[in-house]
Amino acid sequence: MDKAQAEKIGDAILEPGIVAQRENRRKLDAQSLKTARNRQVAWFILGGYGIGALVAYFIGQRIFFGGICGGVVGAAVGWLIFWLRRTSPAK
């Protein structure tokens, strides 16, 4: 058996493990990207909650309700900004 045959046999034995490692790495990268995106949107939700609570306080409404409404608006703005950044042609 020469070196080329040994290489091919070794590759045939190791190939399923290498493919599985690549697949696991791809899944981990996708999960990491999703987590980072959700954290960025969470900052918009927190900011929106604070602004909504502040506005509700000054107009005489319930602070909790204003915070929830502000959080919903913040979430919408956060997802919109993420979507616009993802679809922008300049990368």
PDB file of N, CA and C in Angstrom:
ATOM      1  N   MET A   1       0.855  -1.165   0.000  1.00  0.00           N
ATOM      2  CA  MET A   1       0.000   0.000   0.000  1.00  0.00           C
ATOM      3  C   MET A   1       0.907   1.236   0.000  1.00  0.00           C
ATOM      4  N   ASP A   2       0.617   2.136  -0.930  1.00  0.00           N
ATOM      5  CA  ASP A   2       1.428   3.348  -0.986  1.00  0.00           C
ATOM      6  C   ASP A   2       0.748   4.469  -0.190  1.00  0.00           C
ATOM      7  N   LYS A   3       1.390   5.613  -0.166  1.00  0.00           N
ATOM      8  CA  LYS A   3       0.936   6.734   0.651  1.00  0.00           C
ATOM      9  C   LYS A   3      -0.420   7.273   0.193  1.00  0.00           C
ATOM     10  N   ALA A   4      -0.664   7.329  -1.105  1.00  0.00           N
ATOM     11  CA  ALA A   4      -1.935   7.843  -1.628  1.00  0.00           C
ATOM     12  C   ALA A   4      -3.106   6.960  -1.204  1.00  0.00           C
ATOM     13  N   GLN A   5      -2.912   5.645  -1.267  1.00  0.00           N
ATOM     14  CA  GLN A   5      -3.970   4.733  -0.840  1.00  0.00           C
ATOM     15  C   GLN A   5      -4.235   4.878   0.659  1.00  0.00           C
ATOM     16  N   ALA A   6      -3.175   5.013   1.428  1.00  0.00           N
ATOM     17  CA  ALA A   6      -3.338   5.182   2.877  1.00  0.00           C
ATOM     18  C   ALA A   6      -4.088   6.475   3.188  1.00  0.00           C
ATOM     19  N   GLU A   7      -3.782   7.535   2.457  1.00  0.00           N
ATOM     20  CA  GLU A   7      -4.488   8.810   2.636  1.00  0.00           C
ATOM     21  C   GLU A   7      -5.974   8.665   2.336  1.00  0.00           C
ATOM     22  N   LYS A   8      -6.295   7.967   1.244  1.00  0.00           N
ATOM     23  CA  LYS A   8      -7.696   7.794   0.869  1.00  0.00           C
ATOM     24  C   LYS A   8      -8.445   6.965   1.902  1.00  0.00           C
ATOM     25  N   ILE A   9      -7.821   5.935   2.408  1.00  0.00           N
ATOM     26  CA  ILE A   9      -8.452   5.097   3.435  1.00  0.00           C
ATOM     27  C   ILE A   9      -8.669   5.912   4.706  1.00  0.00           C
ATOM     28  N   GLY A  10      -7.657   6.674   5.088  1.00  0.00           N
ATOM     29  CA  GLY A  10      -7.787   7.526   6.278  1.00  0.00           C
ATOM     30  C   GLY A  10      -8.884   8.561   6.121  1.00  0.00           C
ATOM     31  N   ASP A  11      -8.965   9.182   4.948  1.00  0.00           N
ATOM     32  CA  ASP A  11     -10.022  10.165   4.689  1.00  0.00           C
ATOM     33  C   ASP A  11     -11.399   9.515   4.720  1.00  0.00           C
ATOM     34  N   ALA A  12     -11.505   8.315   4.187  1.00  0.00           N
ATOM     35  CA  ALA A  12     -12.793   7.619   4.178  1.00  0.00           C
ATOM     36  C   ALA A  12     -13.244   7.282   5.599  1.00  0.00           C
ATOM     37  N   ILE A  13     -12.294   6.978   6.457  1.00  0.00           N
ATOM     38  CA  ILE A  13     -12.637   6.647   7.843  1.00  0.00           C
ATOM     39  C   ILE A  13     -12.997   7.914   8.627  1.00  0.00           C
ATOM     40  N   LEU A  14     -12.257   8.987   8.408  1.00  0.00           N
ATOM     41  CA  LEU A  14     -12.443  10.201   9.185  1.00  0.00           C
ATOM     42  C   LEU A  14     -13.519  11.134   8.634  1.00  0.00           C
ATOM     43  N   GLU A  15     -13.929  10.968   7.400  1.00  0.00           N
ATOM     44  CA  GLU A  15     -14.864  11.889   6.748  1.00  0.00           C
ATOM     45  C   GLU A  15     -16.174  12.072   7.511  1.00  0.00           C
ATOM     46  N   PRO A  16     -16.846  11.020   7.990  1.00  0.00           N
ATOM     47  CA  PRO A  16     -18.111  11.254   8.712  1.00  0.00           C
ATOM     48  C   PRO A  16     -17.921  12.134   9.948  1.00  0.00           C
ATOM     49  N   GLY A  17     -16.822  11.965  10.646  1.00  0.00           N
ATOM     50  CA  GLY A  17     -16.562  12.796  11.818  1.00  0.00           C
ATOM     51  C   GLY A  17     -16.325  14.246  11.453  1.00  0.00           C
ATOM     52  N   ILE A  18     -15.620  14.464  10.361  1.00  0.00           N
ATOM     53  CA  ILE A  18     -15.351  15.827   9.911  1.00  0.00           C
ATOM     54  C   ILE A  18     -16.636  16.513   9.477  1.00  0.00           C
ATOM     55  N   VAL A  19     -17.478  15.792   8.767  1.00  0.00           N
ATOM     56  CA  VAL A  19     -18.761  16.361   8.326  1.00  0.00           C
ATOM     57  C   VAL A  19     -19.627  16.701   9.538  1.00  0.00           C
ATOM     58  N   ALA A  20     -19.648  15.832  10.524  1.00  0.00           N
ATOM     59  CA  ALA A  20     -20.437  16.084  11.730  1.00  0.00           C
ATOM     60  C   ALA A  20     -19.903  17.308  12.481  1.00  0.00           C
ATOM     61  N   GLN A  21     -18.584  17.456  12.536  1.00  0.00           N
ATOM     62  CA  GLN A  21     -18.003  18.619  13.189  1.00  0.00           C
ATOM     63  C   GLN A  21     -18.380  19.904  12.461  1.00  0.00           C
ATOM     64  N   ARG A  22     -18.344  19.885  11.154  1.00  0.00           N
ATOM     65  CA  ARG A  22     -18.738  21.068  10.377  1.00  0.00           C
ATOM     66  C   ARG A  22     -20.204  21.421  10.614  1.00  0.00           C
ATOM     67  N   GLU A  23     -21.057  20.395  10.648  1.00  0.00           N
ATOM     68  CA  GLU A  23     -22.483  20.624  10.874  1.00  0.00           C
ATOM     69  C   GLU A  23     -22.721  21.190  12.273  1.00  0.00           C
ATOM     70  N   ASN A  24     -22.046  20.642  13.271  1.00  0.00           N
ATOM     71  CA  ASN A  24     -22.186  21.156  14.630  1.00  0.00           C
ATOM     72  C   ASN A  24     -21.698  22.595  14.725  1.00  0.00           C
ATOM     73  N   ARG A  25     -20.598  22.900  14.052  1.00  0.00           N
ATOM     74  CA  ARG A  25     -20.060  24.258  14.071  1.00  0.00           C
ATOM     75  C   ARG A  25     -21.027  25.223  13.378  1.00  0.00           C
ATOM     76  N   ARG A  26     -21.641  24.793  12.283  1.00  0.00           N
ATOM     77  CA  ARG A  26     -22.606  25.639  11.586  1.00  0.00           C
ATOM     78  C   ARG A  26     -23.817  25.930  12.475  1.00  0.00           C
ATOM     79  N   LYS A  27     -24.302  24.896  13.166  1.00  0.00           N
ATOM     80  CA  LYS A  27     -25.436  25.082  14.070  1.00  0.00           C
ATOM     81  C   LYS A  27     -25.076  26.012  15.218  1.00  0.00           C
ATOM     82  N   LEU A  28     -23.880  25.855  15.764  1.00  0.00           N
ATOM     83  CA  LEU A  28     -23.438  26.704  16.857  1.00  0.00           C
ATOM     84  C   LEU A  28     -23.302  28.157  16.412  1.00  0.00           C
ATOM     85  N   ASP A  29     -22.782  28.379  15.218  1.00  0.00           N
ATOM     86  CA  ASP A  29     -22.672  29.738  14.683  1.00  0.00           C
ATOM     87  C   ASP A  29     -24.045  30.363  14.477  1.00  0.00           C
ATOM     88  N   ALA A  30     -24.996  29.586  13.962  1.00  0.00           N
ATOM     89  CA  ALA A  30     -26.345  30.101  13.749  1.00  0.00           C
ATOM     90  C   ALA A  30     -27.008  30.446  15.085  1.00  0.00           C
ATOM     91  N   GLN A  31     -26.815  29.604  16.088  1.00  0.00           N
ATOM     92  CA  GLN A  31     -27.386  29.856  17.400  1.00  0.00           C
ATOM     93  C   GLN A  31     -26.746  31.088  18.038  1.00  0.00           C
ATOM     94  N   SER A  32     -25.455  31.246  17.865  1.00  0.00           N
ATOM     95  CA  SER A  32     -24.751  32.406  18.399  1.00  0.00           C
ATOM     96  C   SER A  32     -25.238  33.692  17.749  1.00  0.00           C
ATOM     97  N   LEU A  33     -25.442  33.661  16.446  1.00  0.00           N
ATOM     98  CA  LEU A  33     -25.952  34.827  15.735  1.00  0.00           C
ATOM     99  C   LEU A  33     -27.361  35.193  16.201  1.00  0.00           C
ATOM    100  N   LYS A  34     -28.201  34.190  16.409  1.00  0.00           N
ATOM    101  CA  LYS A  34     -29.566  34.434  16.872  1.00  0.00           C
ATOM    102  C   LYS A  34     -29.568  35.036  18.276  1.00  0.00           C
ATOM    103  N   THR A  35     -28.697  34.536  19.148  1.00  0.00           N
ATOM    104  CA  THR A  35     -28.598  35.058  20.503  1.00  0.00           C
ATOM    105  C   THR A  35     -28.134  36.510  20.494  1.00  0.00           C
ATOM    106  N   ALA A  36     -27.142  36.813  19.668  1.00  0.00           N
ATOM    107  CA  ALA A  36     -26.657  38.196  19.574  1.00  0.00           C
ATOM    108  C   ALA A  36     -27.750  39.121  19.058  1.00  0.00           C
ATOM    109  N   ARG A  37     -28.495  38.675  18.064  1.00  0.00           N
ATOM    110  CA  ARG A  37     -29.584  39.480  17.507  1.00  0.00           C
ATOM    111  C   ARG A  37     -30.655  39.733  18.570  1.00  0.00           C
ATOM    112  N   ASN A  38     -31.014  38.703  19.314  1.00  0.00           N
ATOM    113  CA  ASN A  38     -32.043  38.865  20.348  1.00  0.00           C
ATOM    114  C   ASN A  38     -31.582  39.809  21.450  1.00  0.00           C
ATOM    115  N   ARG A  39     -30.295  39.786  21.784  1.00  0.00           N
ATOM    116  CA  ARG A  39     -29.784  40.703  22.791  1.00  0.00           C
ATOM    117  C   ARG A  39     -29.834  42.143  22.309  1.00  0.00           C
ATOM    118  N   GLN A  40     -29.536  42.355  21.041  1.00  0.00           N
ATOM    119  CA  GLN A  40     -29.607  43.710  20.501  1.00  0.00           C
ATOM    120  C   GLN A  40     -31.041  44.228  20.534  1.00  0.00           C
ATOM    121  N   VAL A  41     -31.987  43.386  20.185  1.00  0.00           N
ATOM    122  CA  VAL A  41     -33.392  43.794  20.213  1.00  0.00           C
ATOM    123  C   VAL A  41     -33.841  44.031  21.656  1.00  0.00           C
ATOM    124  N   ALA A  42     -33.308  43.263  22.589  1.00  0.00           N
ATOM    125  CA  ALA A  42     -33.673  43.433  23.998  1.00  0.00           C
ATOM    126  C   ALA A  42     -33.292  44.820  24.509  1.00  0.00           C
ATOM    127  N   TRP A  43     -32.186  45.368  24.035  1.00  0.00           N
ATOM    128  CA  TRP A  43     -31.807  46.729  24.429  1.00  0.00           C
ATOM    129  C   TRP A  43     -32.840  47.735  23.947  1.00  0.00           C
ATOM    130  N   PHE A  44     -33.369  47.544  22.767  1.00  0.00           N
ATOM    131  CA  PHE A  44     -34.414  48.439  22.274  1.00  0.00           C
ATOM    132  C   PHE A  44     -35.684  48.290  23.111  1.00  0.00           C
ATOM    133  N   ILE A  45     -35.996  47.086  23.527  1.00  0.00           N
ATOM    134  CA  ILE A  45     -37.184  46.855  24.356  1.00  0.00           C
ATOM    135  C   ILE A  45     -37.029  47.569  25.698  1.00  0.00           C
ATOM    136  N   LEU A  46     -35.849  47.430  26.309  1.00  0.00           N
ATOM    137  CA  LEU A  46     -35.624  48.097  27.594  1.00  0.00           C
ATOM    138  C   LEU A  46     -35.689  49.611  27.466  1.00  0.00           C
ATOM    139  N   GLY A  47     -35.084  50.128  26.410  1.00  0.00           N
ATOM    140  CA  GLY A  47     -35.151  51.569  26.184  1.00  0.00           C
ATOM    141  C   GLY A  47     -36.573  52.045  25.945  1.00  0.00           C
ATOM    142  N   GLY A  48     -37.310  51.292  25.141  1.00  0.00           N
ATOM    143  CA  GLY A  48     -38.703  51.635  24.876  1.00  0.00           C
ATOM    144  C   GLY A  48     -39.553  51.570  26.127  1.00  0.00           C
ATOM    145  N   TYR A  49     -39.283  50.585  26.982  1.00  0.00           N
ATOM    146  CA  TYR A  49     -40.022  50.469  28.238  1.00  0.00           C
ATOM    147  C   TYR A  49     -39.783  51.698  29.103  1.00  0.00           C
ATOM    148  N   GLY A  50     -38.527  52.099  29.205  1.00  0.00           N
ATOM    149  CA  GLY A  50     -38.205  53.276  30.017  1.00  0.00           C
ATOM    150  C   GLY A  50     -38.826  54.541  29.474  1.00  0.00           C
ATOM    151  N   ILE A  51     -38.739  54.739  28.185  1.00  0.00           N
ATOM    152  CA  ILE A  51     -39.327  55.938  27.574  1.00  0.00           C
ATOM    153  C   ILE A  51     -40.841  55.915  27.714  1.00  0.00           C
ATOM    154  N   GLY A  52     -41.451  54.745  27.495  1.00  0.00           N
ATOM    155  CA  GLY A  52     -42.904  54.641  27.633  1.00  0.00           C
ATOM    156  C   GLY A  52     -43.370  54.904  29.057  1.00  0.00           C
ATOM    157  N   ALA A  53     -42.625  54.401  30.032  1.00  0.00           N
ATOM    158  CA  ALA A  53     -42.985  54.641  31.433  1.00  0.00           C
ATOM    159  C   ALA A  53     -42.837  56.119  31.778  1.00  0.00           C
ATOM    160  N   LEU A  54     -41.805  56.748  31.266  1.00  0.00           N
ATOM    161  CA  LEU A  54     -41.590  58.169  31.521  1.00  0.00           C
ATOM    162  C   LEU A  54     -42.706  59.017  30.898  1.00  0.00           C
ATOM    163  N   VAL A  55     -43.067  58.709  29.675  1.00  0.00           N
ATOM    164  CA  VAL A  55     -44.147  59.437  29.017  1.00  0.00           C
ATOM    165  C   VAL A  55     -45.460  59.219  29.774  1.00  0.00           C
ATOM    166  N   ALA A  56     -45.721  57.997  30.183  1.00  0.00           N
ATOM    167  CA  ALA A  56     -46.960  57.714  30.921  1.00  0.00           C
ATOM    168  C   ALA A  56     -46.999  58.475  32.245  1.00  0.00           C
ATOM    169  N   TYR A  57     -45.872  58.597  32.893  1.00  0.00           N
ATOM    170  CA  TYR A  57     -45.810  59.330  34.158  1.00  0.00           C
ATOM    171  C   TYR A  57     -46.176  60.802  33.951  1.00  0.00           C
ATOM    172  N   PHE A  58     -45.635  61.407  32.902  1.00  0.00           N
ATOM    173  CA  PHE A  58     -45.868  62.824  32.678  1.00  0.00           C
ATOM    174  C   PHE A  58     -47.255  63.133  32.130  1.00  0.00           C
ATOM    175  N   ILE A  59     -47.921  62.182  31.477  1.00  0.00           N
ATOM    176  CA  ILE A  59     -49.274  62.459  30.988  1.00  0.00           C
ATOM    177  C   ILE A  59     -50.342  61.934  31.939  1.00  0.00           C
ATOM    178  N   GLY A  60     -49.927  61.368  33.060  1.00  0.00           N
ATOM    179  CA  GLY A  60     -50.871  60.959  34.091  1.00  0.00           C
ATOM    180  C   GLY A  60     -51.501  59.595  33.877  1.00  0.00           C
ATOM    181  N   GLN A  61     -50.894  58.739  33.123  1.00  0.00           N
ATOM    182  CA  GLN A  61     -51.414  57.391  32.899  1.00  0.00           C
ATOM    183  C   GLN A  61     -50.664  56.409  33.801  1.00  0.00           C
ATOM    184  N   ARG A  62     -51.068  55.140  33.724  1.00  0.00           N
ATOM    185  CA  ARG A  62     -50.386  54.112  34.512  1.00  0.00           C
ATOM    186  C   ARG A  62     -48.993  53.872  33.937  1.00  0.00           C
ATOM    187  N   ILE A  63     -48.010  53.850  34.814  1.00  0.00           N
ATOM    188  CA  ILE A  63     -46.629  53.691  34.386  1.00  0.00           C
ATOM    189  C   ILE A  63     -46.410  52.312  33.769  1.00  0.00           C
ATOM    190  N   PHE A  64     -47.018  51.298  34.367  1.00  0.00           N
ATOM    191  CA  PHE A  64     -46.837  49.940  33.851  1.00  0.00           C
ATOM    192  C   PHE A  64     -47.371  49.832  32.422  1.00  0.00           C
ATOM    193  N   PHE A  65     -48.546  50.361  32.196  1.00  0.00           N
ATOM    194  CA  PHE A  65     -49.134  50.312  30.855  1.00  0.00           C
ATOM    195  C   PHE A  65     -48.274  51.079  29.849  1.00  0.00           C
ATOM    196  N   GLY A  66     -47.798  52.247  30.243  1.00  0.00           N
ATOM    197  CA  GLY A  66     -46.922  53.019  29.367  1.00  0.00           C
ATOM    198  C   GLY A  66     -45.625  52.282  29.076  1.00  0.00           C
ATOM    199  N   GLY A  67     -45.090  51.607  30.093  1.00  0.00           N
ATOM    200  CA  GLY A  67     -43.868  50.834  29.899  1.00  0.00           C
ATOM    201  C   GLY A  67     -44.071  49.674  28.948  1.00  0.00           C
ATOM    202  N   ILE A  68     -45.189  48.976  29.098  1.00  0.00           N
ATOM    203  CA  ILE A  68     -45.477  47.848  28.208  1.00  0.00           C
ATOM    204  C   ILE A  68     -45.651  48.339  26.770  1.00  0.00           C
ATOM    205  N   CYS A  69     -46.394  49.408  26.600  1.00  0.00           N
ATOM    206  CA  CYS A  69     -46.575  49.956  25.241  1.00  0.00           C
ATOM    207  C   CYS A  69     -45.244  50.413  24.664  1.00  0.00           C
ATOM    208  N   GLY A  70     -44.428  51.060  25.472  1.00  0.00           N
ATOM    209  CA  GLY A  70     -43.112  51.483  25.015  1.00  0.00           C
ATOM    210  C   GLY A  70     -42.221  50.308  24.672  1.00  0.00           C
ATOM    211  N   GLY A  71     -42.323  49.228  25.452  1.00  0.00           N
ATOM    212  CA  GLY A  71     -41.549  48.022  25.161  1.00  0.00           C
ATOM    213  C   GLY A  71     -41.958  47.384  23.846  1.00  0.00           C
ATOM    214  N   VAL A  72     -43.246  47.375  23.575  1.00  0.00           N
ATOM    215  CA  VAL A  72     -43.725  46.812  22.305  1.00  0.00           C
ATOM    216  C   VAL A  72     -43.228  47.653  21.134  1.00  0.00           C
ATOM    217  N   VAL A  73     -43.300  48.966  21.280  1.00  0.00           N
ATOM    218  CA  VAL A  73     -42.794  49.844  20.225  1.00  0.00           C
ATOM    219  C   VAL A  73     -41.280  49.664  20.078  1.00  0.00           C
ATOM    220  N   GLY A  74     -40.573  49.552  21.202  1.00  0.00           N
ATOM    221  CA  GLY A  74     -39.130  49.329  21.154  1.00  0.00           C
ATOM    222  C   GLY A  74     -38.776  48.029  20.460  1.00  0.00           C
ATOM    223  N   ALA A  75     -39.563  46.980  20.706  1.00  0.00           N
ATOM    224  CA  ALA A  75     -39.321  45.695  20.042  1.00  0.00           C
ATOM    225  C   ALA A  75     -39.530  45.826  18.539  1.00  0.00           C
ATOM    226  N   ALA A  76     -40.585  46.522  18.154  1.00  0.00           N
ATOM    227  CA  ALA A  76     -40.843  46.705  16.727  1.00  0.00           C
ATOM    228  C   ALA A  76     -39.715  47.502  16.065  1.00  0.00           C
ATOM    229  N   VAL A  77     -39.253  48.544  16.736  1.00  0.00           N
ATOM    230  CA  VAL A  77     -38.156  49.346  16.186  1.00  0.00           C
ATOM    231  C   VAL A  77     -36.882  48.515  16.122  1.00  0.00           C
ATOM    232  N   GLY A  78     -36.609  47.745  17.157  1.00  0.00           N
ATOM    233  CA  GLY A  78     -35.411  46.903  17.163  1.00  0.00           C
ATOM    234  C   GLY A  78     -35.409  45.886  16.043  1.00  0.00           C
ATOM    235  N   TRP A  79     -36.518  45.198  15.837  1.00  0.00           N
ATOM    236  CA  TRP A  79     -36.592  44.211  14.750  1.00  0.00           C
ATOM    237  C   TRP A  79     -36.537  44.889  13.389  1.00  0.00           C
ATOM    238  N   LEU A  80     -37.142  46.087  13.276  1.00  0.00           N
ATOM    239  CA  LEU A  80     -37.080  46.816  12.010  1.00  0.00           C
ATOM    240  C   LEU A  80     -35.646  47.224  11.690  1.00  0.00           C
ATOM    241  N   ILE A  81     -34.942  47.731  12.674  1.00  0.00           N
ATOM    242  CA  ILE A  81     -33.547  48.120  12.452  1.00  0.00           C
ATOM    243  C   ILE A  81     -32.713  46.905  12.104  1.00  0.00           C
ATOM    244  N   PHE A  82     -32.927  45.787  12.810  1.00  0.00           N
ATOM    245  CA  PHE A  82     -32.175  44.573  12.484  1.00  0.00           C
ATOM    246  C   PHE A  82     -32.483  44.120  11.059  1.00  0.00           C
ATOM    247  N   TRP A  83     -33.747  44.156  10.678  1.00  0.00           N
ATOM    248  CA  TRP A  83     -34.134  43.726   9.332  1.00  0.00           C
ATOM    249  C   TRP A  83     -33.518  44.642   8.275  1.00  0.00           C
ATOM    250  N   LEU A  84     -33.518  45.955   8.523  1.00  0.00           N
ATOM    251  CA  LEU A  84     -32.934  46.892   7.565  1.00  0.00           C
ATOM    252  C   LEU A  84     -31.421  46.706   7.451  1.00  0.00           C
ATOM    253  N   ARG A  85     -30.752  46.417   8.569  1.00  0.00           N
ATOM    254  CA  ARG A  85     -29.303  46.176   8.528  1.00  0.00           C
ATOM    255  C   ARG A  85     -28.987  44.878   7.797  1.00  0.00           C
ATOM    256  N   ARG A  86     -29.851  43.899   7.939  1.00  0.00           N
ATOM    257  CA  ARG A  86     -29.617  42.607   7.303  1.00  0.00           C
ATOM    258  C   ARG A  86     -29.841  42.678   5.806  1.00  0.00           C
ATOM    259  N   THR A  87     -30.780  43.494   5.360  1.00  0.00           N
ATOM    260  CA  THR A  87     -31.112  43.552   3.945  1.00  0.00           C
ATOM    261  C   THR A  87     -30.428  44.694   3.213  1.00  0.00           C
ATOM    262  N   SER A  88     -29.601  45.470   3.900  1.00  0.00           N
ATOM    263  CA  SER A  88     -28.943  46.590   3.220  1.00  0.00           C
ATOM    264  C   SER A  88     -27.889  46.068   2.257  1.00  0.00           C
ATOM    265  N   PRO A  89     -27.754  46.697   1.097  1.00  0.00           N
ATOM    266  CA  PRO A  89     -26.789  46.210   0.101  1.00  0.00           C
ATOM    267  C   PRO A  89     -25.343  46.497   0.484  1.00  0.00           C
ATOM    268  N   ALA A  90     -25.092  47.492   1.319  1.00  0.00           N
ATOM    269  CA  ALA A  90     -23.713  47.839   1.694  1.00  0.00           C
ATOM    270  C   ALA A  90     -23.250  46.953   2.849  1.00  0.00           C
ATOM    271  N   LYS A  91     -22.348  46.025   2.543  1.00  0.00           N
ATOM    272  CA  LYS A  91     -21.812  45.138   3.593  1.00  0.00           C
ATOM    273  C   LYS A  91     -20.329  45.123   3.558  1.00  0.00           C
TER     274      LYS A  91
END
